[in-house]
Protein backbone atom coordinates (compact mmCIF):
# COMPACT_ATOMS: atom_id res chain seq x y z
CA MET A 1 -21.82 -25.04 32.45
CA ALA A 2 -21.70 -25.28 28.54
CA LEU A 3 -22.60 -28.76 26.98
CA TYR A 4 -19.15 -29.70 26.34
CA ASP A 5 -18.12 -28.99 29.75
CA ARG A 6 -20.17 -31.66 31.44
CA ASP A 7 -17.43 -34.44 32.70
CA TYR A 8 -18.04 -37.25 30.88
CA MET A 9 -18.11 -35.60 27.66
CA GLY A 10 -14.69 -34.23 28.48
CA GLY A 11 -13.31 -37.79 28.99
CA ARG A 12 -13.24 -37.51 32.80
CA ARG A 13 -16.22 -39.05 34.67
CA GLY A 14 -16.54 -40.56 37.88
CA GLY A 15 -19.78 -42.38 37.20
CA ARG A 16 -20.14 -45.35 35.08
CA GLY A 17 -16.99 -46.36 32.94
CA ASP A 18 -15.08 -44.08 35.05
CA LEU A 19 -12.35 -42.32 33.17
CA GLU A 20 -10.49 -40.58 36.32
CA SER A 21 -6.98 -41.03 36.36
CA PRO A 22 -6.06 -44.19 38.51
CA PHE A 23 -3.47 -41.96 40.35
CA GLN A 24 -5.65 -39.07 41.67
CA GLY A 25 -4.50 -35.94 42.86
CA GLY A 26 -1.74 -36.18 40.41
CA GLY A 27 1.22 -38.13 39.56
CA PHE A 28 3.04 -40.20 36.82
CA GLY A 29 -0.71 -41.31 35.72
CA LYS A 30 -1.79 -38.26 34.48
CA ILE A 31 1.80 -38.00 32.32
CA PHE A 32 0.40 -40.50 29.95
CA GLY A 33 -3.61 -39.41 29.87
CA GLY A 34 -4.75 -41.20 33.05
CA GLY A 35 -7.21 -43.79 32.94
CA ALA A 36 -6.53 -47.38 31.84
CA ALA A 37 -4.26 -46.34 28.94
CA GLY A 38 -1.80 -44.67 30.94
CA ALA A 39 -2.03 -47.39 33.46
CA LEU A 40 -1.03 -49.62 30.66
CA ILE A 41 1.71 -47.67 29.52
CA MET A 42 3.27 -47.26 32.97
CA ALA A 43 2.89 -51.08 33.50
CA ASN A 44 4.76 -51.63 30.26
CA LEU A 45 7.48 -49.23 31.32
CA VAL A 46 8.00 -50.29 34.89
CA CYS A 47 8.43 -53.98 33.41
CA PHE A 48 10.77 -52.90 30.82
CA ILE A 49 12.98 -51.44 33.30
CA LEU A 50 12.63 -54.30 35.92
CA VAL A 51 13.09 -57.01 33.35
CA ALA A 52 16.23 -55.18 32.13
CA PHE A 53 17.48 -55.21 35.74
CA ALA A 54 16.69 -58.78 36.45
CA GLU A 55 18.49 -59.93 33.36
CA ARG A 56 21.54 -58.23 34.34
CA ALA A 57 21.44 -60.03 37.70
CA LEU A 58 20.21 -63.47 36.64
CA GLY A 59 21.76 -63.77 33.32
CA GLY A 60 20.70 -62.89 30.29
CA GLY A 61 17.47 -64.54 28.77
CA PHE A 62 16.78 -66.01 32.00
CA VAL A 63 13.60 -63.61 32.33
CA THR A 64 12.70 -63.43 29.03
CA HIS A 65 12.78 -67.44 29.33
CA TRP A 66 9.74 -67.21 31.18
CA LEU A 67 7.70 -64.54 30.45
CA ALA A 68 7.61 -64.54 26.73
CA LEU A 69 5.46 -66.63 24.59
CA SER A 70 6.91 -69.86 23.33
CA ILE A 71 5.71 -73.08 22.31
CA GLY A 72 8.27 -75.04 24.35
CA GLY A 73 6.91 -72.62 27.82
CA LEU A 74 2.96 -73.47 27.12
CA GLY A 75 4.26 -77.42 26.86
CA ASP A 76 5.40 -76.77 30.42
CA GLY A 77 2.82 -75.39 31.82
CA ALA A 78 3.70 -71.57 31.74
CA LEU A 79 -0.12 -70.23 30.48
CA TRP A 80 0.70 -67.07 32.00
CA GLU A 81 3.19 -66.34 28.90
CA PHE A 82 -0.48 -65.38 27.24
CA ILE A 83 -0.29 -62.26 28.86
CA SER A 84 3.28 -61.76 30.32
CA TYR A 85 4.52 -61.60 26.46
CA ALA A 86 3.04 -58.23 25.79
CA PHE A 87 4.81 -56.63 28.76
CA VAL A 88 8.10 -57.55 27.38
CA HIS A 89 9.98 -55.68 24.96
CA GLU A 90 13.47 -56.03 22.73
CA GLY A 91 15.00 -52.82 23.10
CA LEU A 92 13.91 -48.96 23.37
CA PHE A 93 12.70 -48.48 20.12
CA HIS A 94 10.50 -51.76 20.51
CA ILE A 95 8.67 -50.15 23.66
CA PHE A 96 8.73 -46.66 22.29
CA ALA A 97 6.78 -47.59 19.37
CA ASN A 98 4.37 -49.50 20.49
CA MET A 99 3.88 -47.00 23.71
CA ILE A 100 3.63 -43.96 21.39
CA GLY A 101 0.57 -46.00 19.49
CA LEU A 102 -1.14 -46.81 22.49
CA TYR A 103 -0.87 -43.18 23.44
CA PHE A 104 -2.03 -41.23 20.63
CA VAL A 105 -4.65 -43.69 19.55
CA GLY A 106 -5.50 -45.58 23.17
CA LYS A 107 -5.95 -42.41 24.80
CA ILE A 108 -8.89 -41.34 22.43
CA LEU A 109 -10.75 -44.76 22.51
CA GLN A 110 -10.63 -45.00 25.92
CA ALA A 111 -12.25 -41.55 26.25
CA MET A 112 -14.95 -42.85 23.93
CA ILE A 113 -15.73 -46.32 25.31
CA GLY A 114 -14.63 -46.47 28.93
CA ASN A 115 -11.78 -48.10 31.06
CA GLY A 116 -13.66 -51.75 31.26
CA LYS A 117 -14.19 -51.73 27.43
CA PHE A 118 -10.87 -50.52 26.74
CA LEU A 119 -9.12 -53.29 28.91
CA PHE A 120 -10.99 -55.78 26.96
CA VAL A 121 -9.99 -54.50 23.71
CA TYR A 122 -6.49 -54.55 24.94
CA PHE A 123 -5.82 -57.89 26.19
CA PHE A 124 -8.31 -59.80 23.66
CA GLY A 125 -5.81 -58.22 21.35
CA ALA A 126 -2.69 -60.09 22.90
CA LEU A 127 -4.61 -63.36 23.25
CA LEU A 128 -5.59 -63.35 19.82
CA GLY A 129 -2.75 -62.00 18.50
CA GLY A 130 -0.74 -64.52 20.68
CA ALA A 131 -2.89 -67.22 19.40
CA ALA A 132 -2.36 -66.53 15.43
CA TRP A 133 1.54 -66.42 16.30
CA LEU A 134 1.44 -69.86 17.81
CA ALA A 135 -0.69 -71.08 14.66
CA THR A 136 2.02 -69.77 12.41
CA SER A 137 5.00 -70.96 14.62
CA PHE A 138 6.87 -73.68 13.67
CA GLY A 139 9.97 -73.15 15.34
CA ALA A 140 10.35 -74.50 18.86
CA ASN A 141 13.01 -71.99 19.86
CA GLU A 142 11.20 -69.07 18.96
CA CYS A 143 9.51 -67.11 20.94
CA LEU A 144 7.23 -63.82 20.83
CA VAL A 145 7.37 -60.58 23.14
CA GLY A 146 6.02 -57.12 22.85
CA ALA A 147 2.58 -55.37 22.97
CA SER A 148 2.21 -54.95 19.55
CA ALA A 149 -1.07 -57.36 19.03
CA ALA A 150 -2.75 -55.43 21.72
CA VAL A 151 -1.69 -52.11 20.74
CA MET A 152 -2.95 -53.22 17.31
CA SER A 153 -6.37 -54.40 18.56
CA VAL A 154 -6.76 -50.96 20.01
CA PHE A 155 -5.96 -49.20 16.76
CA ALA A 156 -8.07 -51.64 14.65
CA CYS A 157 -11.04 -51.14 17.21
CA PHE A 158 -10.76 -47.26 16.94
CA CYS A 159 -10.42 -47.50 12.99
CA MET A 160 -13.98 -49.78 13.04
CA LEU A 161 -15.72 -47.61 15.62
CA TYR A 162 -14.82 -44.11 13.70
CA THR A 163 -14.48 -45.10 10.08
CA GLN A 164 -15.13 -41.65 9.04
CA THR A 165 -13.19 -39.22 10.80
CA PRO A 166 -10.69 -37.89 9.12
CA VAL A 167 -7.03 -38.29 10.65
CA CYS A 168 -3.78 -36.31 9.65
CA PHE A 169 -0.41 -38.10 10.29
CA LEU A 170 3.11 -37.03 8.91
CA LEU A 171 4.11 -39.81 6.02
CA PHE A 172 7.77 -40.56 6.72
CA PHE A 173 7.52 -37.58 9.69
CA VAL A 174 7.64 -35.06 7.00
CA LEU A 175 4.49 -35.12 4.75
CA PRO A 176 1.49 -34.48 5.92
CA VAL A 177 -1.26 -37.07 4.65
CA ARG A 178 -4.74 -36.92 5.53
CA LEU A 179 -7.04 -40.43 5.46
CA LYS A 180 -10.04 -42.09 6.70
CA PRO A 181 -9.64 -44.26 9.57
CA ILE A 182 -10.91 -47.11 7.88
CA VAL A 183 -8.55 -46.49 4.90
CA ILE A 184 -5.32 -46.62 7.49
CA LEU A 185 -6.57 -49.90 8.55
CA LYS A 186 -6.83 -51.69 5.01
CA LEU A 187 -3.33 -50.15 4.32
CA ALA A 188 -1.98 -51.30 7.48
CA ALA A 189 -3.73 -54.96 7.41
CA GLY A 190 -2.67 -55.29 3.46
CA PHE A 191 1.23 -54.38 4.71
CA GLU A 192 0.79 -57.10 7.87
CA ILE A 193 -0.76 -59.74 4.80
CA PHE A 194 1.99 -59.28 2.78
CA GLY A 195 4.85 -59.34 5.30
CA LEU A 196 3.19 -62.79 6.58
CA LEU A 197 3.14 -64.15 3.21
CA TYR A 198 6.69 -63.26 3.00
CA SER A 199 7.63 -64.49 6.21
CA LEU A 200 5.84 -67.97 5.67
CA ALA A 201 7.64 -68.37 1.89
CA GLY A 202 11.15 -68.25 4.15
CA GLY A 203 12.06 -64.52 4.11
CA GLY A 204 14.05 -63.80 6.73
CA THR A 205 12.35 -61.23 9.51
CA VAL A 206 12.27 -60.76 13.26
CA VAL A 207 8.34 -58.92 12.80
CA ALA A 208 5.69 -61.14 13.94
CA TYR A 209 3.05 -60.02 11.57
CA SER A 210 0.50 -63.10 12.36
CA ALA A 211 0.61 -61.55 15.68
CA HIS A 212 -0.28 -58.06 14.16
CA LEU A 213 -2.85 -59.59 12.31
CA GLY A 214 -4.56 -61.70 15.36
CA GLY A 215 -4.48 -58.15 17.19
CA MET A 216 -6.40 -56.59 14.18
CA ALA A 217 -8.53 -59.00 13.95
CA ALA A 218 -9.25 -58.67 18.20
CA GLY A 219 -9.88 -54.95 17.31
CA TRP A 220 -12.39 -55.75 14.67
CA ILE A 221 -14.48 -58.23 16.51
CA SER A 222 -14.48 -55.79 19.91
CA ALA A 223 -15.73 -53.36 17.63
CA ARG A 224 -18.50 -54.97 16.16
CA ILE A 225 -19.66 -55.87 19.70
CA ILE A 226 -19.76 -52.80 21.19
CA ALA A 227 -21.31 -50.69 18.03
CA ASN A 228 -24.02 -53.25 18.71
CA GLY A 229 -24.34 -52.43 22.41
CA GLY A 230 -22.33 -55.47 23.76
CA LEU A 231 -19.82 -55.25 26.95
CA ASN A 232 -21.85 -52.88 28.49
CA ALA A 233 -21.55 -55.01 32.00
CA LEU A 234 -17.97 -53.67 31.64
CA ASN A 235 -18.88 -50.05 32.24
CA SER A 236 -18.88 -50.15 35.98
CA PHE A 237 -15.53 -51.06 35.84
CA SER A 238 -13.49 -48.41 37.89
CA LEU A 239 -9.40 -47.90 38.22
CA LYS A 240 -10.07 -45.62 41.38
CA LYS A 241 -11.64 -48.39 43.16
CA ILE A 242 -8.05 -49.96 43.18
CA PHE A 243 -5.77 -47.05 42.97
CA SER A 244 -7.46 -44.03 44.35
CA SER A 245 -6.12 -42.06 47.59
CA ALA A 246 -8.34 -42.66 50.95
CA GLY A 247 -9.30 -39.04 50.44
CA ASN A 248 -10.93 -40.01 47.00
CA LYS A 249 -12.80 -43.08 47.75
CA LYS A 250 -16.58 -41.61 47.26
CA LYS A 251 -17.72 -42.51 43.54
CA ARG A 252 -19.95 -39.65 42.12
CA LYS A 253 -22.90 -40.41 39.83
CA ALA A 254 -24.12 -38.74 37.10
CA SER A 255 -26.71 -37.39 39.41
CA ASP A 256 -24.20 -35.83 41.45
CA TYR A 257 -23.40 -32.74 38.78
CA PHE A 258 -25.27 -30.04 38.01
CA TYR A 259 -26.01 -29.67 34.11
CA LYS A 260 -26.48 -26.52 31.98
CA VAL A 261 -26.46 -26.06 28.45
CA ASN A 262 -25.86 -22.39 27.35
CA ILE A 263 -28.05 -22.13 24.20
CA ASP A 264 -29.44 -18.67 23.10
CA SER A 265 -32.49 -19.75 21.34
CA PRO A 266 -34.19 -23.21 22.42
CA SER A 267 -36.75 -22.77 19.81
CA SER A 268 -33.70 -23.08 17.16
CA GLY A 269 -31.95 -26.07 18.57
CA PRO A 270 -32.45 -29.57 20.62
CA SER A 271 -34.52 -29.47 23.58
CA LEU A 272 -32.68 -29.83 26.82
CA LYS A 273 -34.49 -32.81 27.42
CA GLU A 274 -33.50 -34.66 24.24
CA ILE A 275 -29.59 -33.57 25.03
CA ASP A 276 -29.81 -34.65 28.58
CA ARG A 277 -31.11 -37.79 27.72
CA ILE A 278 -28.41 -38.61 25.08
CA LEU A 279 -25.64 -37.80 27.51
CA ASP A 280 -26.81 -40.15 30.10
CA LYS A 281 -26.84 -42.82 27.36
CA ILE A 282 -22.99 -42.05 26.76
CA SER A 283 -22.69 -42.07 30.46
CA SER A 284 -24.19 -45.44 30.99
CA SER A 285 -23.39 -47.34 27.18
CA GLY A 286 -20.47 -45.04 26.12
CA PHE A 287 -20.49 -43.22 23.25
CA ALA A 288 -20.19 -45.86 20.61
CA SER A 289 -23.89 -46.71 21.68
CA LEU A 290 -25.24 -43.50 20.08
CA THR A 291 -26.86 -43.70 16.82
CA GLU A 292 -26.16 -41.32 13.73
CA GLY A 293 -29.07 -39.27 14.63
CA GLU A 294 -28.23 -38.62 18.42
CA ARG A 295 -24.70 -38.11 16.96
CA GLU A 296 -26.10 -35.03 15.01
CA THR A 297 -28.07 -33.76 17.64
CA LEU A 298 -24.89 -33.54 19.80
CA ARG A 299 -23.02 -31.56 16.96
CA ARG A 300 -25.91 -29.18 16.56
CA ALA A 301 -26.26 -28.48 20.44
CA ARG A 302 -22.46 -27.67 20.36
CA GLY A 303 -22.54 -25.27 17.58
CA PHE A 304 -25.70 -23.67 19.51
CA ASP A 305 -23.69 -23.71 22.74
CA LYS A 306 -20.60 -21.97 21.26
CA ARG A 307 -22.60 -18.98 19.67
């Protein structure tokens, strides 16, 4: 088995920070990449359909009234709205935009920091985004729905942890543009701040810019905590404990795997002992815990592994 064939280097591990699909053996979970990101996408899609049926059966606006975040709802004691609003969307385009962002950015971040930390980043974004929206909301009849704040938290956390990794995207879905994540984050934050100022000045808009900025702030805070070695208690979180089938209940530990690194000349590359130490560190604390020197060692080892 080569260096990057190790289970937890490929984004699927059975030890700490379990990244196995919550729907073991296949199913819908793997359609969306599996793990926490896939489960959240499924949860949002299921809620979208259920709310649509419930609205039709009980009357338009009835269900949304009890799930959307609002000053009036919180005043009535509906504290669950701080979370439930993030699973309600206004139309197909709204949920599509949020879920496509969660899929492409979320599955990368999840593979690096693990399910537990990823869920923290996501729900922290929903909470702080909701709080930021309430702080700038002056209408008792207004309400907030959508996972945008949570997705923005995931996006910001990714950009902060991997600031120098170039990302290529299509501007206006046509022009390929290659930028570093930290630059994209700064541009997005600038746009959101401009939009917030415009809305506060009386400009008409249905976009909750303050919630987006609150989500970005949550992602920034989360990235700082993770980079400094925090939230490691969440590494033991395992979706498999909840969703796995009866035949897949046994947890595999890092010691259950046999590792082999294909390096032609051990003397010309990193030692096997050093590589194993770094990979074990990833297994226990996540990729973000590595120093720049340790990441360089992995890059060198990968080069020798492909020779």
